[in-house]
All heavy atoms as atom14 arrays in JSON, in Angstrom:
{
  "sequence": "GVGFLPGPSDQPAAQVGGAALWIPADKGDVASAAAWKFV",
  "atom14_mask": [
    [1, 1, 1, 1, 0, 0, 0, 0, 0, 0, 0, 0, 0, 0],
    [1, 1, 1, 1, 1, 1, 1, 0, 0, 0, 0, 0, 0, 0],
    [1, 1, 1, 1, 0, 0, 0, 0, 0, 0, 0, 0, 0, 0],
    [1, 1, 1, 1, 1, 1, 1, 1, 1, 1, 1, 0, 0, 0],
    [1, 1, 1, 1, 1, 1, 1, 1, 0, 0, 0, 0, 0, 0],
    [1, 1, 1, 1, 1, 1, 1, 0, 0, 0, 0, 0, 0, 0],
    [1, 1, 1, 1, 0, 0, 0, 0, 0, 0, 0, 0, 0, 0],
    [1, 1, 1, 1, 1, 1, 1, 0, 0, 0, 0, 0, 0, 0],
    [1, 1, 1, 1, 1, 1, 0, 0, 0, 0, 0, 0, 0, 0],
    [1, 1, 1, 1, 1, 1, 1, 1, 0, 0, 0, 0, 0, 0],
    [1, 1, 1, 1, 1, 1, 1, 1, 1, 0, 0, 0, 0, 0],
    [1, 1, 1, 1, 1, 1, 1, 0, 0, 0, 0, 0, 0, 0],
    [1, 1, 1, 1, 1, 0, 0, 0, 0, 0, 0, 0, 0, 0],
    [1, 1, 1, 1, 1, 0, 0, 0, 0, 0, 0, 0, 0, 0],
    [1, 1, 1, 1, 1, 1, 1, 1, 1, 0, 0, 0, 0, 0],
    [1, 1, 1, 1, 1, 1, 1, 0, 0, 0, 0, 0, 0, 0],
    [1, 1, 1, 1, 0, 0, 0, 0, 0, 0, 0, 0, 0, 0],
    [1, 1, 1, 1, 0, 0, 0, 0, 0, 0, 0, 0, 0, 0],
    [1, 1, 1, 1, 1, 0, 0, 0, 0, 0, 0, 0, 0, 0],
    [1, 1, 1, 1, 1, 0, 0, 0, 0, 0, 0, 0, 0, 0],
    [1, 1, 1, 1, 1, 1, 1, 1, 0, 0, 0, 0, 0, 0],
    [1, 1, 1, 1, 1, 1, 1, 1, 1, 1, 1, 1, 1, 1],
    [1, 1, 1, 1, 1, 1, 1, 1, 0, 0, 0, 0, 0, 0],
    [1, 1, 1, 1, 1, 1, 1, 0, 0, 0, 0, 0, 0, 0],
    [1, 1, 1, 1, 1, 0, 0, 0, 0, 0, 0, 0, 0, 0],
    [1, 1, 1, 1, 1, 1, 1, 1, 0, 0, 0, 0, 0, 0],
    [1, 1, 1, 1, 1, 1, 1, 1, 1, 0, 0, 0, 0, 0],
    [1, 1, 1, 1, 0, 0, 0, 0, 0, 0, 0, 0, 0, 0],
    [1, 1, 1, 1, 1, 1, 1, 1, 0, 0, 0, 0, 0, 0],
    [1, 1, 1, 1, 1, 1, 1, 0, 0, 0, 0, 0, 0, 0],
    [1, 1, 1, 1, 1, 0, 0, 0, 0, 0, 0, 0, 0, 0],
    [1, 1, 1, 1, 1, 1, 0, 0, 0, 0, 0, 0, 0, 0],
    [1, 1, 1, 1, 1, 0, 0, 0, 0, 0, 0, 0, 0, 0],
    [1, 1, 1, 1, 1, 0, 0, 0, 0, 0, 0, 0, 0, 0],
    [1, 1, 1, 1, 1, 0, 0, 0, 0, 0, 0, 0, 0, 0],
    [1, 1, 1, 1, 1, 1, 1, 1, 1, 1, 1, 1, 1, 1],
    [1, 1, 1, 1, 1, 1, 1, 1, 1, 0, 0, 0, 0, 0],
    [1, 1, 1, 1, 1, 1, 1, 1, 1, 1, 1, 0, 0, 0],
    [1, 1, 1, 1, 1, 1, 1, 0, 0, 0, 0, 0, 0, 0]
  ],
  "atom14_positions": [
    [[-48.33, 4.62, -1.19], [-47.01, 4.62, -1.82], [-46.28, 5.91, -1.49], [-46.89, 6.91, -1.12], [0.0, 0.0, 0.0], [0.0, 0.0, 0.0], [0.0, 0.0, 0.0], [0.0, 0.0, 0.0], [0.0, 0.0, 0.0], [0.0, 0.0, 0.0], [0.0, 0.0, 0.0], [0.0, 0.0, 0.0], [0.0, 0.0, 0.0], [0.0, 0.0, 0.0]],
    [[-44.97, 5.88, -1.61], [-44.14, 7.06, -1.36], [-43.23, 7.26, -2.56], [-42.52, 6.33, -2.98], [-43.31, 6.91, -0.08], [-42.4, 8.13, 0.11], [-44.21, 6.73, 1.14], [0.0, 0.0, 0.0], [0.0, 0.0, 0.0], [0.0, 0.0, 0.0], [0.0, 0.0, 0.0], [0.0, 0.0, 0.0], [0.0, 0.0, 0.0], [0.0, 0.0, 0.0]],
    [[-43.25, 8.46, -3.13], [-42.42, 8.76, -4.3], [-41.63, 10.03, -4.12], [-41.82, 10.79, -3.16], [0.0, 0.0, 0.0], [0.0, 0.0, 0.0], [0.0, 0.0, 0.0], [0.0, 0.0, 0.0], [0.0, 0.0, 0.0], [0.0, 0.0, 0.0], [0.0, 0.0, 0.0], [0.0, 0.0, 0.0], [0.0, 0.0, 0.0], [0.0, 0.0, 0.0]],
    [[-40.75, 10.29, -5.06], [-39.96, 11.52, -5.05], [-40.88, 12.74, -5.15], [-41.98, 12.66, -5.7], [-38.97, 11.54, -6.21], [-37.93, 10.47, -6.14], [-37.78, 9.57, -7.18], [-37.07, 10.37, -5.05], [-36.8, 8.58, -7.13], [-36.1, 9.39, -4.99], [-35.97, 8.49, -6.03], [0.0, 0.0, 0.0], [0.0, 0.0, 0.0], [0.0, 0.0, 0.0]],
    [[-40.4, 13.85, -4.65], [-41.14, 15.11, -4.78], [-41.27, 15.47, -6.26], [-40.26, 15.66, -6.94], [-40.39, 16.22, -4.04], [-40.92, 17.64, -4.26], [-42.27, 17.82, -3.59], [-39.91, 18.67, -3.74], [0.0, 0.0, 0.0], [0.0, 0.0, 0.0], [0.0, 0.0, 0.0], [0.0, 0.0, 0.0], [0.0, 0.0, 0.0], [0.0, 0.0, 0.0]],
    [[-42.49, 15.58, -6.79], [-42.64, 16.04, -8.18], [-42.17, 17.48, -8.3], [-42.34, 18.29, -7.37], [-44.15, 15.91, -8.43], [-44.63, 14.94, -7.39], [-43.77, 15.2, -6.19], [0.0, 0.0, 0.0], [0.0, 0.0, 0.0], [0.0, 0.0, 0.0], [0.0, 0.0, 0.0], [0.0, 0.0, 0.0], [0.0, 0.0, 0.0], [0.0, 0.0, 0.0]],
    [[-41.59, 17.82, -9.45], [-41.09, 19.17, -9.6], [-40.88, 19.55, -11.05], [-41.31, 18.84, -11.96], [0.0, 0.0, 0.0], [0.0, 0.0, 0.0], [0.0, 0.0, 0.0], [0.0, 0.0, 0.0], [0.0, 0.0, 0.0], [0.0, 0.0, 0.0], [0.0, 0.0, 0.0], [0.0, 0.0, 0.0], [0.0, 0.0, 0.0], [0.0, 0.0, 0.0]],
    [[-40.21, 20.67, -11.28], [-40.05, 21.21, -12.64], [-38.98, 20.51, -13.47], [-38.74, 20.92, -14.6], [-39.66, 22.67, -12.37], [-38.99, 22.65, -11.04], [-39.7, 21.59, -10.25], [0.0, 0.0, 0.0], [0.0, 0.0, 0.0], [0.0, 0.0, 0.0], [0.0, 0.0, 0.0], [0.0, 0.0, 0.0], [0.0, 0.0, 0.0], [0.0, 0.0, 0.0]],
    [[-38.34, 19.49, -12.93], [-37.36, 18.74, -13.71], [-37.49, 17.26, -13.39], [-38.18, 16.87, -12.45], [-35.93, 19.2, -13.36], [-35.53, 18.68, -12.11], [0.0, 0.0, 0.0], [0.0, 0.0, 0.0], [0.0, 0.0, 0.0], [0.0, 0.0, 0.0], [0.0, 0.0, 0.0], [0.0, 0.0, 0.0], [0.0, 0.0, 0.0], [0.0, 0.0, 0.0]],
    [[-36.82, 16.44, -14.18], [-36.9, 14.99, -13.96], [-35.74, 14.5, -13.09], [-35.48, 13.31, -13.01], [-36.93, 14.23, -15.28], [-35.7, 14.5, -16.14], [-34.79, 15.22, -15.69], [-35.67, 14.0, -17.28], [0.0, 0.0, 0.0], [0.0, 0.0, 0.0], [0.0, 0.0, 0.0], [0.0, 0.0, 0.0], [0.0, 0.0, 0.0], [0.0, 0.0, 0.0]],
    [[-35.05, 15.42, -12.42], [-33.98, 15.06, -11.5], [-34.57, 14.88, -10.1], [-35.05, 15.84, -9.49], [-32.91, 16.15, -11.46], [-31.86, 15.98, -10.35], [-30.98, 14.76, -10.57], [-30.63, 14.43, -11.69], [-30.62, 14.1, -9.49], [0.0, 0.0, 0.0], [0.0, 0.0, 0.0], [0.0, 0.0, 0.0], [0.0, 0.0, 0.0], [0.0, 0.0, 0.0]],
    [[-34.59, 13.65, -9.57], [-35.19, 13.43, -8.24], [-34.27, 13.94, -7.13], [-33.5, 13.19, -6.53], [-35.36, 11.92, -8.18], [-34.27, 11.39, -9.07], [-34.11, 12.4, -10.17], [0.0, 0.0, 0.0], [0.0, 0.0, 0.0], [0.0, 0.0, 0.0], [0.0, 0.0, 0.0], [0.0, 0.0, 0.0], [0.0, 0.0, 0.0], [0.0, 0.0, 0.0]],
    [[-34.34, 15.24, -6.88], [-33.48, 15.85, -5.87], [-34.3, 16.8, -5.01], [-35.31, 17.36, -5.46], [-32.32, 16.59, -6.53], [0.0, 0.0, 0.0], [0.0, 0.0, 0.0], [0.0, 0.0, 0.0], [0.0, 0.0, 0.0], [0.0, 0.0, 0.0], [0.0, 0.0, 0.0], [0.0, 0.0, 0.0], [0.0, 0.0, 0.0], [0.0, 0.0, 0.0]],
    [[-33.86, 16.98, -3.78], [-34.57, 17.88, -2.87], [-33.57, 18.56, -1.96], [-32.43, 18.11, -1.79], [-35.6, 17.11, -2.03], [0.0, 0.0, 0.0], [0.0, 0.0, 0.0], [0.0, 0.0, 0.0], [0.0, 0.0, 0.0], [0.0, 0.0, 0.0], [0.0, 0.0, 0.0], [0.0, 0.0, 0.0], [0.0, 0.0, 0.0], [0.0, 0.0, 0.0]],
    [[-33.99, 19.67, -1.38], [-33.19, 20.37, -0.39], [-33.48, 19.81, 0.99], [-34.51, 19.18, 1.22], [-33.5, 21.87, -0.44], [-33.11, 22.51, -1.76], [-33.64, 23.92, -1.91], [-34.6, 24.3, -1.24], [-33.03, 24.7, -2.79], [0.0, 0.0, 0.0], [0.0, 0.0, 0.0], [0.0, 0.0, 0.0], [0.0, 0.0, 0.0], [0.0, 0.0, 0.0]],
    [[-32.55, 20.05, 1.9], [-32.62, 19.45, 3.23], [-33.62, 20.15, 4.13], [-33.72, 21.37, 4.16], [-31.22, 19.5, 3.88], [-31.29, 19.21, 5.37], [-30.31, 18.49, 3.2], [0.0, 0.0, 0.0], [0.0, 0.0, 0.0], [0.0, 0.0, 0.0], [0.0, 0.0, 0.0], [0.0, 0.0, 0.0], [0.0, 0.0, 0.0], [0.0, 0.0, 0.0]],
    [[-34.37, 19.35, 4.88], [-35.2, 19.85, 5.96], [-34.73, 19.22, 7.26], [-33.84, 18.37, 7.27], [0.0, 0.0, 0.0], [0.0, 0.0, 0.0], [0.0, 0.0, 0.0], [0.0, 0.0, 0.0], [0.0, 0.0, 0.0], [0.0, 0.0, 0.0], [0.0, 0.0, 0.0], [0.0, 0.0, 0.0], [0.0, 0.0, 0.0], [0.0, 0.0, 0.0]],
    [[-35.33, 19.6, 8.36], [-34.92, 19.04, 9.64], [-34.13, 20.03, 10.45], [-34.39, 21.24, 10.41], [0.0, 0.0, 0.0], [0.0, 0.0, 0.0], [0.0, 0.0, 0.0], [0.0, 0.0, 0.0], [0.0, 0.0, 0.0], [0.0, 0.0, 0.0], [0.0, 0.0, 0.0], [0.0, 0.0, 0.0], [0.0, 0.0, 0.0], [0.0, 0.0, 0.0]],
    [[-33.13, 19.56, 11.17], [-32.38, 20.45, 12.06], [-30.97, 19.93, 12.29], [-30.64, 18.8, 11.92], [-33.1, 20.6, 13.4], [0.0, 0.0, 0.0], [0.0, 0.0, 0.0], [0.0, 0.0, 0.0], [0.0, 0.0, 0.0], [0.0, 0.0, 0.0], [0.0, 0.0, 0.0], [0.0, 0.0, 0.0], [0.0, 0.0, 0.0], [0.0, 0.0, 0.0]],
    [[-30.15, 20.8, 12.91], [-28.75, 20.47, 13.19], [-28.43, 20.77, 14.64], [-29.17, 21.46, 15.34], [-27.83, 21.26, 12.26], [0.0, 0.0, 0.0], [0.0, 0.0, 0.0], [0.0, 0.0, 0.0], [0.0, 0.0, 0.0], [0.0, 0.0, 0.0], [0.0, 0.0, 0.0], [0.0, 0.0, 0.0], [0.0, 0.0, 0.0], [0.0, 0.0, 0.0]],
    [[-27.29, 20.28, 15.07], [-26.81, 20.49, 16.44], [-25.88, 21.71, 16.45], [-24.91, 21.77, 15.68], [-26.07, 19.25, 16.93], [-26.96, 18.01, 17.07], [-26.13, 16.74, 17.0], [-27.75, 18.07, 18.37], [0.0, 0.0, 0.0], [0.0, 0.0, 0.0], [0.0, 0.0, 0.0], [0.0, 0.0, 0.0], [0.0, 0.0, 0.0], [0.0, 0.0, 0.0]],
    [[-26.19, 22.66, 17.33], [-25.44, 23.9, 17.47], [-24.85, 23.97, 18.88], [-25.51, 23.59, 19.86], [-26.35, 25.11, 17.27], [-26.98, 25.21, 15.91], [-28.02, 24.47, 15.42], [-26.63, 26.12, 14.87], [-28.33, 24.86, 14.14], [-27.5, 25.88, 13.78], [-25.68, 27.13, 14.76], [-27.43, 26.6, 12.6], [-25.61, 27.86, 13.58], [-26.48, 27.6, 12.52]],
    [[-23.64, 24.49, 19.0], [-22.97, 24.61, 20.29], [-22.93, 26.08, 20.72], [-22.2, 26.88, 20.12], [-21.54, 24.04, 20.23], [-21.57, 22.57, 19.82], [-20.84, 24.21, 21.58], [-20.19, 21.94, 19.68], [0.0, 0.0, 0.0], [0.0, 0.0, 0.0], [0.0, 0.0, 0.0], [0.0, 0.0, 0.0], [0.0, 0.0, 0.0], [0.0, 0.0, 0.0]],
    [[-23.7, 26.47, 21.73], [-23.67, 27.85, 22.2], [-22.29, 28.22, 22.75], [-21.6, 27.4, 23.36], [-24.72, 27.88, 23.31], [-25.67, 26.77, 22.95], [-24.77, 25.7, 22.38], [0.0, 0.0, 0.0], [0.0, 0.0, 0.0], [0.0, 0.0, 0.0], [0.0, 0.0, 0.0], [0.0, 0.0, 0.0], [0.0, 0.0, 0.0], [0.0, 0.0, 0.0]],
    [[-21.9, 29.46, 22.54], [-20.63, 29.95, 23.06], [-20.83, 30.48, 24.48], [-21.95, 30.47, 25.02], [-20.09, 31.06, 22.15], [0.0, 0.0, 0.0], [0.0, 0.0, 0.0], [0.0, 0.0, 0.0], [0.0, 0.0, 0.0], [0.0, 0.0, 0.0], [0.0, 0.0, 0.0], [0.0, 0.0, 0.0], [0.0, 0.0, 0.0], [0.0, 0.0, 0.0]],
    [[-19.74, 30.93, 25.09], [-19.77, 31.57, 26.42], [-20.18, 30.61, 27.53], [-20.51, 31.06, 28.63], [-20.7, 32.79, 26.43], [-20.26, 33.85, 25.43], [-19.04, 34.02, 25.26], [-21.13, 34.49, 24.81], [0.0, 0.0, 0.0], [0.0, 0.0, 0.0], [0.0, 0.0, 0.0], [0.0, 0.0, 0.0], [0.0, 0.0, 0.0], [0.0, 0.0, 0.0]],
    [[-20.16, 29.32, 27.26], [-20.44, 28.34, 28.32], [-19.14, 27.79, 28.9], [-19.16, 27.0, 29.84], [-21.31, 27.2, 27.79], [-22.63, 27.62, 27.17], [-23.56, 28.26, 28.18], [-24.09, 27.25, 29.17], [-25.1, 27.83, 30.08], [0.0, 0.0, 0.0], [0.0, 0.0, 0.0], [0.0, 0.0, 0.0], [0.0, 0.0, 0.0], [0.0, 0.0, 0.0]],
    [[-18.03, 28.17, 28.29], [-16.73, 27.69, 28.75], [-16.19, 26.59, 27.86], [-16.94, 25.84, 27.23], [0.0, 0.0, 0.0], [0.0, 0.0, 0.0], [0.0, 0.0, 0.0], [0.0, 0.0, 0.0], [0.0, 0.0, 0.0], [0.0, 0.0, 0.0], [0.0, 0.0, 0.0], [0.0, 0.0, 0.0], [0.0, 0.0, 0.0], [0.0, 0.0, 0.0]],
    [[-14.87, 26.48, 27.81], [-14.23, 25.49, 26.95], [-14.61, 24.06, 27.32], [-14.78, 23.2, 26.45], [-12.7, 25.65, 27.02], [-12.21, 26.9, 26.32], [-12.99, 27.49, 25.54], [-11.05, 27.3, 26.56], [0.0, 0.0, 0.0], [0.0, 0.0, 0.0], [0.0, 0.0, 0.0], [0.0, 0.0, 0.0], [0.0, 0.0, 0.0], [0.0, 0.0, 0.0]],
    [[-14.73, 23.79, 28.62], [-15.05, 22.43, 29.05], [-16.46, 22.05, 28.6], [-16.7, 20.94, 28.1], [-14.91, 22.31, 30.59], [-15.45, 20.96, 31.06], [-13.46, 22.47, 31.01], [0.0, 0.0, 0.0], [0.0, 0.0, 0.0], [0.0, 0.0, 0.0], [0.0, 0.0, 0.0], [0.0, 0.0, 0.0], [0.0, 0.0, 0.0], [0.0, 0.0, 0.0]],
    [[-17.4, 22.98, 28.76], [-18.79, 22.71, 28.35], [-18.87, 22.49, 26.85], [-19.57, 21.57, 26.38], [-19.69, 23.86, 28.78], [0.0, 0.0, 0.0], [0.0, 0.0, 0.0], [0.0, 0.0, 0.0], [0.0, 0.0, 0.0], [0.0, 0.0, 0.0], [0.0, 0.0, 0.0], [0.0, 0.0, 0.0], [0.0, 0.0, 0.0], [0.0, 0.0, 0.0]],
    [[-18.17, 23.32, 26.08], [-18.19, 23.16, 24.62], [-17.57, 21.84, 24.21], [-18.06, 21.16, 23.3], [-17.44, 24.32, 23.96], [-18.1, 25.55, 24.19], [0.0, 0.0, 0.0], [0.0, 0.0, 0.0], [0.0, 0.0, 0.0], [0.0, 0.0, 0.0], [0.0, 0.0, 0.0], [0.0, 0.0, 0.0], [0.0, 0.0, 0.0], [0.0, 0.0, 0.0]],
    [[-16.49, 21.46, 24.88], [-15.84, 20.19, 24.58], [-16.76, 19.02, 24.9], [-16.82, 18.03, 24.15], [-14.53, 20.06, 25.36], [0.0, 0.0, 0.0], [0.0, 0.0, 0.0], [0.0, 0.0, 0.0], [0.0, 0.0, 0.0], [0.0, 0.0, 0.0], [0.0, 0.0, 0.0], [0.0, 0.0, 0.0], [0.0, 0.0, 0.0], [0.0, 0.0, 0.0]],
    [[-17.49, 19.11, 26.0], [-18.42, 18.05, 26.38], [-19.57, 17.96, 25.38], [-19.99, 16.86, 25.0], [-18.95, 18.31, 27.79], [0.0, 0.0, 0.0], [0.0, 0.0, 0.0], [0.0, 0.0, 0.0], [0.0, 0.0, 0.0], [0.0, 0.0, 0.0], [0.0, 0.0, 0.0], [0.0, 0.0, 0.0], [0.0, 0.0, 0.0], [0.0, 0.0, 0.0]],
    [[-20.08, 19.11, 24.95], [-21.16, 19.12, 23.96], [-20.68, 18.49, 22.66], [-21.39, 17.7, 22.02], [-21.64, 20.54, 23.72], [0.0, 0.0, 0.0], [0.0, 0.0, 0.0], [0.0, 0.0, 0.0], [0.0, 0.0, 0.0], [0.0, 0.0, 0.0], [0.0, 0.0, 0.0], [0.0, 0.0, 0.0], [0.0, 0.0, 0.0], [0.0, 0.0, 0.0]],
    [[-19.45, 18.82, 22.25], [-18.91, 18.27, 21.02], [-18.75, 16.76, 21.11], [-18.98, 16.04, 20.13], [-17.58, 18.92, 20.69], [-16.9, 18.31, 19.5], [-15.75, 17.6, 19.47], [-17.37, 18.35, 18.14], [-15.45, 17.18, 18.2], [-16.42, 17.63, 17.35], [-18.47, 18.91, 17.51], [-16.57, 17.47, 15.98], [-18.62, 18.75, 16.14], [-17.68, 18.04, 15.39]],
    [[-18.42, 16.26, 22.26], [-18.26, 14.81, 22.45], [-19.59, 14.1, 22.16], [-19.62, 13.03, 21.54], [-17.8, 14.52, 23.88], [-17.37, 13.06, 24.12], [-16.87, 12.89, 25.54], [-16.39, 11.45, 25.8], [-15.13, 11.17, 25.06], [0.0, 0.0, 0.0], [0.0, 0.0, 0.0], [0.0, 0.0, 0.0], [0.0, 0.0, 0.0], [0.0, 0.0, 0.0]],
    [[-20.7, 14.69, 22.59], [-22.0, 14.09, 22.32], [-22.36, 14.23, 20.84], [-22.96, 13.32, 20.24], [-23.07, 14.74, 23.2], [-24.42, 14.08, 23.1], [-24.56, 12.7, 23.2], [-25.58, 14.84, 22.93], [-25.81, 12.08, 23.11], [-26.82, 14.24, 22.85], [-26.94, 12.87, 22.94], [0.0, 0.0, 0.0], [0.0, 0.0, 0.0], [0.0, 0.0, 0.0]],
    [[-22.02, 15.37, 20.24], [-22.26, 15.56, 18.81], [-21.54, 14.49, 18.01], [-22.09, 13.91, 17.06], [-21.81, 16.96, 18.35], [-21.87, 17.08, 16.82], [-22.67, 18.04, 19.0], [0.0, 0.0, 0.0], [0.0, 0.0, 0.0], [0.0, 0.0, 0.0], [0.0, 0.0, 0.0], [0.0, 0.0, 0.0], [0.0, 0.0, 0.0], [0.0, 0.0, 0.0]]
  ]
}
């Protein structure tokens, strides 16, 4: 079975894990625009 994270309150809430997409600078406007298109 899978349940909510047990904790110090009865509010079933959690903080985010995982990762996000970041766009490096200094690659040029065209490269940043292309990266954003994929994002």
